[in-house]
Protein backbone atom coordinates (compact mmCIF):
# COMPACT_ATOMS: atom_id res chain seq x y z
CA MET A 1 9.96 10.75 16.82
CA LEU A 2 10.41 6.93 16.34
CA GLY A 3 13.46 5.24 16.78
CA ASN A 4 14.95 1.95 15.12
CA ASP A 5 14.65 0.81 19.08
CA PHE A 6 10.92 1.18 18.67
CA LEU A 7 11.28 -0.12 15.33
CA ASP A 8 13.14 -3.36 16.06
CA ALA A 9 11.48 -4.22 20.03
CA TRP A 10 7.64 -3.95 18.24
CA GLY A 11 8.88 -6.21 15.09
CA VAL A 12 7.45 -3.30 12.65
CA VAL A 13 5.86 -3.35 9.55
CA ILE A 14 5.41 0.21 7.46
CA ASP A 15 3.22 0.53 4.28
CA PHE A 16 3.84 3.58 2.79
CA GLN A 17 0.38 3.22 0.14
CA SER A 18 -1.42 2.61 2.84
CA LEU A 19 0.07 5.27 5.79
CA THR A 20 -0.48 2.16 8.19
CA LEU A 21 2.38 1.28 10.50
CA TYR A 22 1.71 -2.26 11.73
CA LEU A 23 2.68 -3.22 15.36
CA ARG A 24 3.66 -7.10 16.53
CA PRO A 25 5.91 -8.95 19.04
CA PRO A 26 9.05 -9.67 17.45
CA LEU A 27 8.90 -13.21 19.78
CA ALA A 28 6.01 -14.03 17.28
CA PRO A 29 8.47 -14.58 13.92
CA MET A 30 11.06 -16.15 16.21
CA TRP A 31 8.76 -18.32 18.38
CA PRO A 32 9.00 -21.40 15.13
CA LEU A 33 12.91 -21.39 16.05
CA LEU A 34 12.10 -21.52 19.73
CA ALA A 35 9.33 -24.16 20.25
CA GLY A 36 10.34 -27.77 21.82
CA VAL A 37 12.33 -28.93 24.28
CA TRP A 38 16.47 -28.32 24.47
CA GLN A 39 18.80 -30.07 26.20
CA VAL A 40 22.48 -28.60 27.81
CA THR A 41 25.15 -29.89 26.17
CA SER A 42 27.79 -27.28 28.09
CA TRP A 43 27.75 -24.67 30.74
CA GLN A 44 30.63 -22.51 31.21
CA GLU A 45 29.91 -20.02 34.17
CA GLU A 46 32.38 -17.40 35.32
CA GLY A 47 35.02 -18.16 33.56
CA GLU A 48 34.42 -21.80 35.03
CA ALA A 49 32.57 -25.29 33.36
CA ARG A 50 29.82 -26.30 35.51
CA LYS A 51 29.76 -30.34 35.85
CA LEU A 52 26.67 -31.76 34.20
CA ASP A 53 24.97 -34.91 35.09
CA PRO A 54 24.55 -37.04 31.66
CA LYS A 55 21.41 -38.84 33.46
CA ALA A 56 19.95 -35.66 33.68
CA PRO A 57 21.03 -32.57 32.28
CA PRO A 58 19.28 -29.41 32.21
CA LYS A 59 16.52 -29.20 29.85
CA PHE A 60 14.83 -25.54 28.46
CA THR A 61 10.97 -26.10 27.45
CA PHE A 62 9.24 -22.98 24.79
CA ALA A 63 6.03 -23.70 25.11
CA ASP A 64 2.56 -21.60 25.44
CA ARG A 65 5.32 -18.14 24.81
CA ARG A 66 6.55 -19.76 28.36
CA LEU A 67 10.11 -20.86 29.18
CA LYS A 68 10.84 -23.92 31.55
CA VAL A 69 13.77 -24.51 33.11
CA VAL A 70 14.40 -27.77 34.89
CA MET A 71 18.22 -28.07 36.70
CA ASP A 72 19.41 -29.85 39.52
CA GLY A 73 15.87 -31.04 40.42
CA GLN A 74 14.35 -27.63 40.69
CA THR A 75 11.74 -26.45 38.15
CA ARG A 76 11.47 -22.61 37.35
CA GLU A 77 8.64 -20.89 34.86
CA TYR A 78 8.75 -17.31 33.18
CA ALA A 79 7.21 -15.34 30.71
CA ILE A 80 9.40 -14.11 28.06
CA ARG A 81 10.14 -11.32 26.53
CA PHE A 82 12.02 -11.08 22.75
CA LYS A 83 13.75 -8.43 21.03
CA PRO A 84 15.79 -8.76 18.18
CA ASP A 85 19.57 -7.40 18.33
CA ASP A 86 22.66 -7.32 16.22
CA ARG A 87 25.02 -8.83 18.72
CA GLY A 88 22.65 -11.36 19.37
CA ASP A 89 18.97 -11.51 20.12
CA MET A 90 17.91 -10.39 23.79
CA ILE A 91 15.56 -12.51 25.49
CA LEU A 92 13.87 -11.51 29.09
CA MET A 93 12.49 -13.37 31.53
CA ILE A 94 9.79 -12.22 33.42
CA ASP A 95 7.75 -13.07 36.38
CA PRO A 96 5.21 -15.09 35.37
CA LYS A 97 2.60 -13.21 36.79
CA GLN A 98 2.81 -9.94 34.74
CA ASP A 99 2.47 -11.79 31.56
CA GLY A 100 0.68 -9.41 29.36
CA LYS A 101 1.13 -6.67 31.63
CA PRO A 102 3.19 -3.73 31.62
CA PHE A 103 6.49 -4.78 33.49
CA THR A 104 9.65 -2.89 35.49
CA GLU A 105 13.37 -3.64 35.81
CA ALA A 106 12.44 -5.52 39.10
CA ASP A 107 10.64 -7.59 37.68
CA ILE A 108 13.07 -9.44 35.42
CA GLN A 109 14.44 -12.48 36.50
CA GLY A 110 16.64 -13.27 33.99
CA GLY A 111 17.41 -12.79 30.71
CA GLY A 112 20.53 -12.52 27.96
CA LEU A 113 21.67 -12.73 24.15
CA ILE A 114 19.83 -15.75 22.03
CA LYS A 115 21.14 -17.23 19.17
CA VAL A 116 19.66 -20.45 17.22
CA LYS A 117 20.62 -22.07 14.00
CA ASP A 118 20.17 -25.78 12.77
CA GLY A 119 18.93 -27.47 16.27
CA ARG A 120 21.20 -25.78 17.92
CA MET A 121 21.21 -22.40 20.63
CA THR A 122 23.38 -20.58 22.25
CA LEU A 123 22.11 -18.29 25.28
CA CYS A 124 24.57 -16.08 27.14
CA ALA A 125 22.22 -14.80 30.22
CA LEU A 126 22.60 -13.64 33.62
CA SER A 127 23.88 -16.48 35.92
CA GLN A 128 22.47 -17.77 38.72
CA SER A 129 24.23 -15.83 41.47
CA GLY A 130 22.61 -12.84 40.60
CA GLN A 131 24.95 -10.87 41.19
CA ALA A 132 25.19 -8.71 37.30
CA ARG A 133 22.20 -6.88 37.01
CA ASP A 134 23.33 -5.43 33.42
CA LEU A 135 22.14 -7.63 30.71
CA PRO A 136 25.11 -9.73 28.62
CA GLU A 137 26.19 -7.64 25.57
CA ALA A 138 28.67 -10.59 24.34
CA PHE A 139 28.45 -13.91 23.96
CA ALA A 140 31.63 -14.73 26.45
CA ALA A 141 30.82 -15.28 30.51
CA PRO A 142 34.45 -14.81 32.06
CA LYS A 143 35.37 -14.44 35.43
CA GLY A 144 33.28 -11.83 37.38
CA SER A 145 30.83 -11.12 34.75
CA GLY A 146 28.02 -12.69 36.49
CA TYR A 147 27.35 -14.60 33.74
CA ALA A 148 26.37 -17.98 32.08
CA LEU A 149 27.50 -19.33 28.43
CA ILE A 150 25.37 -22.30 27.85
CA GLU A 151 24.93 -24.63 24.47
CA LEU A 152 22.04 -26.44 24.03
CA LYS A 153 20.21 -28.69 21.04
CA ARG A 154 17.09 -29.57 20.14
CA THR A 155 15.68 -32.82 21.86
CA THR A 156 12.08 -32.58 20.45
CA PRO A 157 11.57 -32.92 16.46
CA GLY A 158 11.90 -28.85 14.83
CA PRO A 159 9.93 -27.66 11.86
CA ASP A 160 10.80 -29.29 8.79
CA LYS A 161 11.42 -26.30 7.20
CA PRO A 162 11.30 -22.42 8.57
CA SER A 163 7.81 -21.00 9.17
CA ALA A 164 6.39 -19.55 5.70
CA ASP A 165 6.89 -15.69 5.52
CA LEU A 166 3.55 -14.56 4.99
CA LEU A 167 4.19 -11.22 4.34
CA HIS A 168 6.62 -12.00 1.76
CA GLU A 169 4.40 -14.82 0.33
CA LEU A 170 1.18 -12.26 -0.34
CA LEU A 171 3.53 -9.02 -1.29
CA VAL A 172 5.13 -11.42 -4.31
CA LYS A 173 2.54 -12.48 -4.85
CA GLU A 174 0.72 -8.71 -5.74
CA GLY A 175 4.25 -8.18 -7.42
CA TYR A 176 6.66 -6.04 -5.25
CA LYS A 177 10.38 -6.85 -5.61
CA PRO A 178 11.90 -7.93 -2.42
CA VAL A 179 15.31 -6.00 -1.64
CA ARG A 180 17.35 -7.17 1.26
CA LEU A 181 18.38 -4.56 3.94
CA ASP A 182 21.82 -4.82 6.18
CA ARG A 183 21.18 -3.50 9.58
CA GLU A 184 23.41 -1.74 11.30
CA PRO A 185 24.67 -1.21 14.78
CA ASP A 186 22.76 1.95 15.86
CA GLY A 187 19.47 -0.02 14.06
CA ASN A 188 20.18 1.89 10.75
CA ARG A 189 19.23 -0.04 7.73
CA MET A 190 21.34 0.27 4.37
CA VAL A 191 20.23 -0.60 1.08
CA ALA A 192 22.30 -1.98 -1.88
CA ALA A 193 21.77 0.28 -4.99
CA ARG A 194 23.01 0.83 -8.43
CA ILE A 195 23.22 3.58 -11.04
CA GLY A 196 24.16 2.18 -14.40
CA LYS A 197 27.33 0.30 -13.28
CA ASP A 198 27.85 1.86 -10.14
CA ASP A 199 27.14 0.13 -6.96
CA LEU A 200 26.05 2.28 -3.91
CA ARG A 201 25.18 1.55 -0.28
CA LEU A 202 22.57 3.95 0.82
CA MET A 203 20.93 4.82 4.15
CA LEU A 204 16.83 4.13 4.66
CA ARG A 205 16.14 7.31 6.00
CA THR A 206 12.16 7.54 6.66
CA GLY A 207 12.23 10.28 8.98
CA GLN A 208 13.75 12.32 5.34
CA THR A 209 11.77 13.90 2.18
CA THR A 210 13.67 13.24 -0.45
CA SER A 211 16.67 11.18 -2.02
CA VAL A 212 20.38 12.34 -1.18
CA PHE A 213 23.76 11.47 -3.01
CA ASP A 214 26.67 12.14 -2.50
CA THR A 215 28.19 15.09 -4.53
CA ALA A 216 31.36 13.20 -5.41
CA GLY A 217 29.73 10.94 -7.34
CA LEU A 218 27.31 12.27 -9.47
CA ASP A 219 29.53 13.22 -12.66
CA LYS A 220 29.63 9.24 -12.87
CA TRP A 221 26.26 8.76 -12.28
CA GLY A 222 25.18 11.63 -15.10
CA ALA A 223 23.59 13.57 -12.92
CA VAL A 224 21.64 16.72 -14.17
CA ARG A 225 22.52 19.25 -11.54
CA LEU A 226 19.45 21.69 -11.26
CA GLY A 227 20.24 24.53 -8.68
CA TRP A 228 19.72 24.94 -4.50
CA MET A 229 17.32 24.77 -2.28
CA LYS A 230 16.81 24.05 1.61
CA VAL A 231 16.14 20.44 2.11
CA ASP A 232 13.88 18.80 4.40
CA GLY A 233 14.92 15.93 6.75
CA LEU A 234 18.52 17.40 7.10
CA GLY A 235 18.45 19.52 9.95
CA ASP A 236 17.61 23.33 9.66
CA ASN A 237 18.54 25.67 7.23
CA VAL A 238 20.63 22.85 5.18
CA SER A 239 20.92 23.99 1.64
CA ALA A 240 21.60 20.91 -1.11
CA GLU A 241 21.65 20.85 -4.85
CA THR A 242 19.10 19.42 -6.13
CA LEU A 243 19.68 16.62 -9.49
CA ARG A 244 18.37 14.49 -11.76
CA LEU A 245 18.81 11.15 -12.79
CA ARG A 246 18.06 8.86 -15.24
CA GLY A 247 17.17 6.41 -12.78
CA MET A 248 17.84 3.60 -10.09
CA THR A 249 18.06 0.09 -9.63
CA LEU A 250 17.51 -1.53 -5.61
CA GLY A 251 17.26 -5.46 -6.66
CA GLU A 252 15.08 -5.85 -9.42
CA TYR A 253 13.07 -2.83 -8.89
CA ASP A 254 13.76 -0.40 -11.33
CA THR A 255 12.59 3.26 -10.77
CA ARG A 256 12.68 3.81 -14.37
CA GLN A 257 9.58 1.78 -14.72
CA VAL A 258 7.63 4.23 -11.88
CA TRP A 259 8.90 7.63 -13.77
CA ALA A 260 11.31 8.49 -16.28
CA VAL A 261 14.12 10.45 -14.35
CA LEU A 262 14.71 9.79 -10.31
CA ASN A 263 14.85 13.81 -9.02
CA GLY A 264 16.97 13.97 -5.76
CA HIS A 265 19.71 16.11 -3.71
CA ALA A 266 23.15 16.11 -3.28
CA ILE A 267 25.18 16.94 -0.81
CA ASN A 268 28.76 16.50 0.19
CA ILE A 269 28.62 12.92 2.78
CA ALA A 270 32.52 13.03 3.67
CA GLY A 271 31.91 13.66 7.24
CA LEU A 272 29.77 11.06 7.55
CA ASN A 273 31.99 8.49 5.81
CA VAL A 274 35.14 9.60 8.15
CA LEU A 275 32.69 9.11 10.97
CA LEU A 276 31.21 5.64 9.58
CA ALA A 277 35.27 4.61 9.44
CA ARG A 278 35.89 5.00 12.93
CA GLN A 279 33.67 2.43 13.94
CA LYS A 280 34.93 0.36 11.43
CA ARG A 281 31.71 0.55 9.09
CA LYS A 282 31.30 0.97 5.24
CA PRO A 283 31.06 4.43 3.74
CA ILE A 284 27.55 5.24 2.06
CA GLN A 285 26.64 6.79 -0.98
CA GLY A 286 23.60 8.58 -0.77
CA MET A 287 20.04 8.37 1.42
CA LEU A 288 17.12 6.85 0.48
CA GLY A 289 13.83 9.14 1.35
CA ASN A 290 10.13 9.21 1.65
CA TYR A 291 9.26 10.28 -2.03
CA ASP A 292 11.05 7.61 -3.31
CA LEU A 293 9.54 4.92 -0.83
CA LEU A 294 6.19 6.15 -1.41
CA ASN A 295 6.48 5.85 -5.41
CA GLY A 296 7.80 2.41 -4.90
CA SER A 297 4.55 1.52 -2.55
CA ALA A 298 7.19 0.80 -0.29
CA VAL A 299 6.85 -1.73 2.42
CA ILE A 300 9.11 -2.18 5.22
CA ASP A 301 9.57 -5.25 7.22
CA TYR A 302 12.06 -4.59 10.86
CA VAL A 303 12.28 -8.44 11.56
CA THR A 304 13.04 -9.50 8.25
CA ASN A 305 15.34 -6.22 7.50
CA THR A 306 13.38 -6.47 3.92
CA LEU A 307 12.17 -3.75 1.40
CA TYR A 308 9.43 -4.50 -0.75
CA LEU A 309 9.23 -2.41 -3.71
CA ARG A 310 6.40 -2.40 -6.88
CA PRO A 311 5.47 0.92 -8.49
CA VAL A 312 2.90 3.04 -6.99
CA LYS A 313 0.98 2.86 -10.70
CA LYS A 314 -0.09 -0.46 -9.36
CA ALA A 315 -1.81 1.15 -6.42
CA VAL A 316 -3.75 3.79 -8.64
CA GLU A 317 -5.25 1.65 -11.66
CA PRO A 318 -7.63 0.42 -9.65
CA LEU A 319 -9.06 3.77 -8.67
CA LEU A 320 -8.85 4.90 -11.76
CA LYS A 321 -10.03 1.62 -14.17
CA GLY A 322 -12.72 2.07 -16.12
CA LYS A 323 -14.71 4.47 -18.36
CA TRP A 324 -14.79 8.69 -17.38
CA VAL A 325 -17.29 11.21 -19.31
CA GLY A 326 -15.86 14.62 -19.48
CA VAL A 327 -18.28 17.42 -18.01
CA ALA A 328 -16.58 20.61 -18.31
CA TRP A 329 -13.25 21.80 -19.77
CA GLU A 330 -10.51 24.59 -19.64
CA PHE A 331 -8.40 25.92 -22.13
CA ASP A 332 -6.63 28.94 -22.56
CA GLY A 333 -8.29 30.71 -19.58
CA ASN A 334 -11.97 29.63 -21.21
CA LYS A 335 -14.50 27.83 -19.59
CA GLY A 336 -17.03 25.36 -20.82
CA LYS A 337 -19.60 22.15 -20.13
CA TYR A 338 -19.31 18.68 -21.77
CA ALA A 339 -22.28 17.30 -24.37
CA PRO A 340 -22.73 13.91 -23.76
CA GLY A 341 -20.19 11.56 -25.70
CA ASP A 342 -17.87 14.83 -26.41
CA ALA A 343 -14.69 13.80 -24.67
CA ASN A 344 -14.01 10.25 -22.81
CA VAL A 345 -11.72 8.45 -21.14
CA GLU A 346 -10.74 5.06 -20.49
CA PHE A 347 -8.16 3.04 -18.35
CA LYS A 348 -7.61 -0.19 -18.84
CA ASN A 349 -4.88 -2.72 -19.38
CA GLY A 350 -1.90 -0.25 -17.62
CA ARG A 351 -3.29 2.18 -21.10
CA ILE A 352 -4.73 5.28 -21.31
CA ARG A 353 -7.88 5.79 -24.03
CA PHE A 354 -8.79 9.66 -24.84
CA ALA A 355 -11.92 9.53 -27.06
CA THR A 356 -13.97 12.61 -28.83
CA LYS A 357 -15.81 12.89 -31.26
CA ASN A 358 -13.28 13.58 -33.86
CA GLY A 359 -11.48 10.14 -33.24
CA ALA A 360 -9.20 8.58 -30.28
CA ALA A 361 -5.83 8.23 -29.20
CA GLU A 362 -4.17 5.79 -26.86
CA SER A 363 -0.71 5.72 -25.00
CA THR A 364 1.20 3.73 -21.99
CA PHE A 365 1.58 5.92 -18.41
CA HIS A 366 3.27 6.16 -15.81
CA VAL A 367 2.37 7.69 -12.37
CA ARG A 368 4.32 9.74 -9.73
CA ASP A 369 2.91 10.37 -6.55
CA MET A 370 3.20 13.63 -5.44
CA GLY A 371 1.68 14.20 -2.17
CA ASP A 372 -1.37 16.43 -3.25
CA ARG A 373 -1.51 15.00 -6.46
CA TYR A 374 -0.77 12.53 -9.18
CA MET A 375 1.92 13.39 -12.01
CA LEU A 376 1.12 11.42 -15.11
CA GLY A 377 3.89 10.60 -17.94
CA LEU A 378 2.14 9.21 -21.75
CA PHE A 379 4.19 7.10 -23.59
CA GLU A 380 3.84 5.43 -26.88
CA PRO A 381 2.60 1.77 -26.29
CA GLY A 382 5.92 -0.99 -27.34
CA ALA A 383 7.92 1.80 -25.98
CA ASN A 384 10.88 0.57 -23.77
CA GLU A 385 10.73 2.70 -21.09
CA LEU A 386 14.05 1.15 -19.80
CA ALA A 387 15.85 2.90 -22.86
CA ASP A 388 18.57 5.80 -22.99
CA GLY A 389 16.53 8.51 -24.78
CA PHE A 390 13.54 7.22 -23.19
CA THR A 391 11.02 10.19 -23.10
CA TYR A 392 7.13 11.16 -22.48
CA THR A 393 5.17 12.56 -25.53
CA SER A 394 2.63 14.62 -22.67
CA THR A 395 2.86 15.35 -19.23
CA GLY A 396 -0.15 15.79 -17.18
CA ALA A 397 -1.57 15.51 -13.80
CA LEU A 398 -4.69 13.68 -12.43
CA ARG A 399 -6.79 13.82 -8.78
CA LEU A 400 -9.25 12.01 -7.81
CA THR A 401 -11.78 13.07 -5.20
CA ASP A 402 -15.04 12.32 -4.48
CA GLY A 403 -15.65 10.04 -6.92
CA LYS A 404 -14.18 12.47 -9.84
CA LEU A 405 -11.68 12.72 -11.82
CA THR A 406 -9.84 16.04 -13.16
CA LEU A 407 -6.70 15.89 -15.60
CA VAL A 408 -4.61 18.82 -17.15
CA MET A 409 -2.55 17.69 -18.92
CA GLN A 410 -0.36 19.38 -22.07
CA LYS A 411 -1.68 20.09 -25.19
CA GLY A 412 0.85 20.67 -28.25
CA PRO A 413 4.10 20.66 -28.05
CA LEU A 414 6.01 19.45 -24.58
CA ARG A 415 6.89 21.67 -22.02
CA LYS A 416 7.16 21.72 -18.39
CA GLU A 417 5.08 19.32 -16.09
CA PRO A 418 2.07 20.88 -14.40
CA ILE A 419 2.31 21.57 -10.56
CA SER A 420 -1.29 23.27 -10.77
CA PHE A 421 -4.76 22.54 -11.64
CA ALA A 422 -5.38 25.27 -13.81
CA ALA A 423 -5.49 26.04 -17.43
CA THR A 424 -4.64 29.40 -17.99
CA LYS A 425 -4.10 31.89 -20.76
CA GLY A 426 -0.73 30.73 -22.30
CA SER A 427 0.10 27.77 -20.49
CA GLY A 428 -0.56 25.44 -23.07
CA LEU A 429 -2.80 23.37 -20.46
CA LEU A 430 -6.46 21.20 -21.03
CA LEU A 431 -8.28 20.80 -17.84
CA VAL A 432 -11.01 18.42 -17.89
CA GLU A 433 -13.21 17.21 -15.05
CA TYR A 434 -14.49 13.51 -15.54
CA GLU A 435 -17.21 11.48 -14.01
CA ARG A 436 -17.46 7.81 -13.99
CA ALA A 437 -19.47 6.54 -16.80
CA LYS A 438 -22.75 5.04 -15.90
């Protein structure tokens, strides 16, 4: 299992829709803030202030992904590595000969905590005495610590504005809603959510299948309780109460634009919140799992601590777009072939249009990714998907295989959602196989 340390160290971006993990050296997004020449304004080492030569103060130059330190008439050069950290970002100074190569602890020649803001830099690093080998955990250099606390100011012009976040710009342009994540000291990310008028604090859990909510809040959130079952991602033989919520918002993203209801599980989180309280951390009301991340086409940026979400329908629509011709059907246990023109379906402008020789019907639709299939929820064009009492006129399932489309829909009164691609006797389901129109 990949832990938060790895995700942070490699500046990971996770794209749930494309099932892709992107790795990047975290120094890359930080570099525009570091690049340039910095002059030391104060230097405290071993609890004492170091006297600086006002005519030739020490200078730190960040260039070509390296650090050059000029001090006391000597010049030292280091290859550098960078790691985001809550206490302050961590910088390592490596033997230049190991640049671009795997390195060991013996190759580390310096390093510590660093923070940069408004043209000012604070660095708490191993002192020149070389007595300390453990990197500092706080911005302090008391006597006997072996650390130096250095303040610097930029002497070359910095960027007029922060470097562009190209990923952010691209995803927002594509319709994603950015949601801020708060990084906890243990690396876990928290996201603010809202159900009705109630604010929730959820832990992001990419190793958990479904979202989980605290049993203490179910009644006030209007949850519908659906019984008990074992749940993946919560440990061995853990059972949880299944539930259904009308919906939830995370920033400007609303799960009701994906599906009419939000399915999840409930457990008692009181014990976990007691542990968080001992650590002087805020309580949580649940955990956001993979199922809802997948249906939000989630992209998680571990460098900027941003969760991007948009309805999965946006990713599926290009695959469905256009007209499809019915070639075979199954209903009430019977099967048959369609003649040309007997049955067509067209996906266009967010709507689905069924056409037969006897007429046509058009609906707006929602899509929900179930892993091995997509669920389809139809509703009247113009219906308010965010309104209380919103419901589907029909539900079904679809799959795309080798350029062919299979749809299984309810025929007649609305029943339970179909869970398999079959239209057995008495099911009330109609299964149709389609091919793209030529």
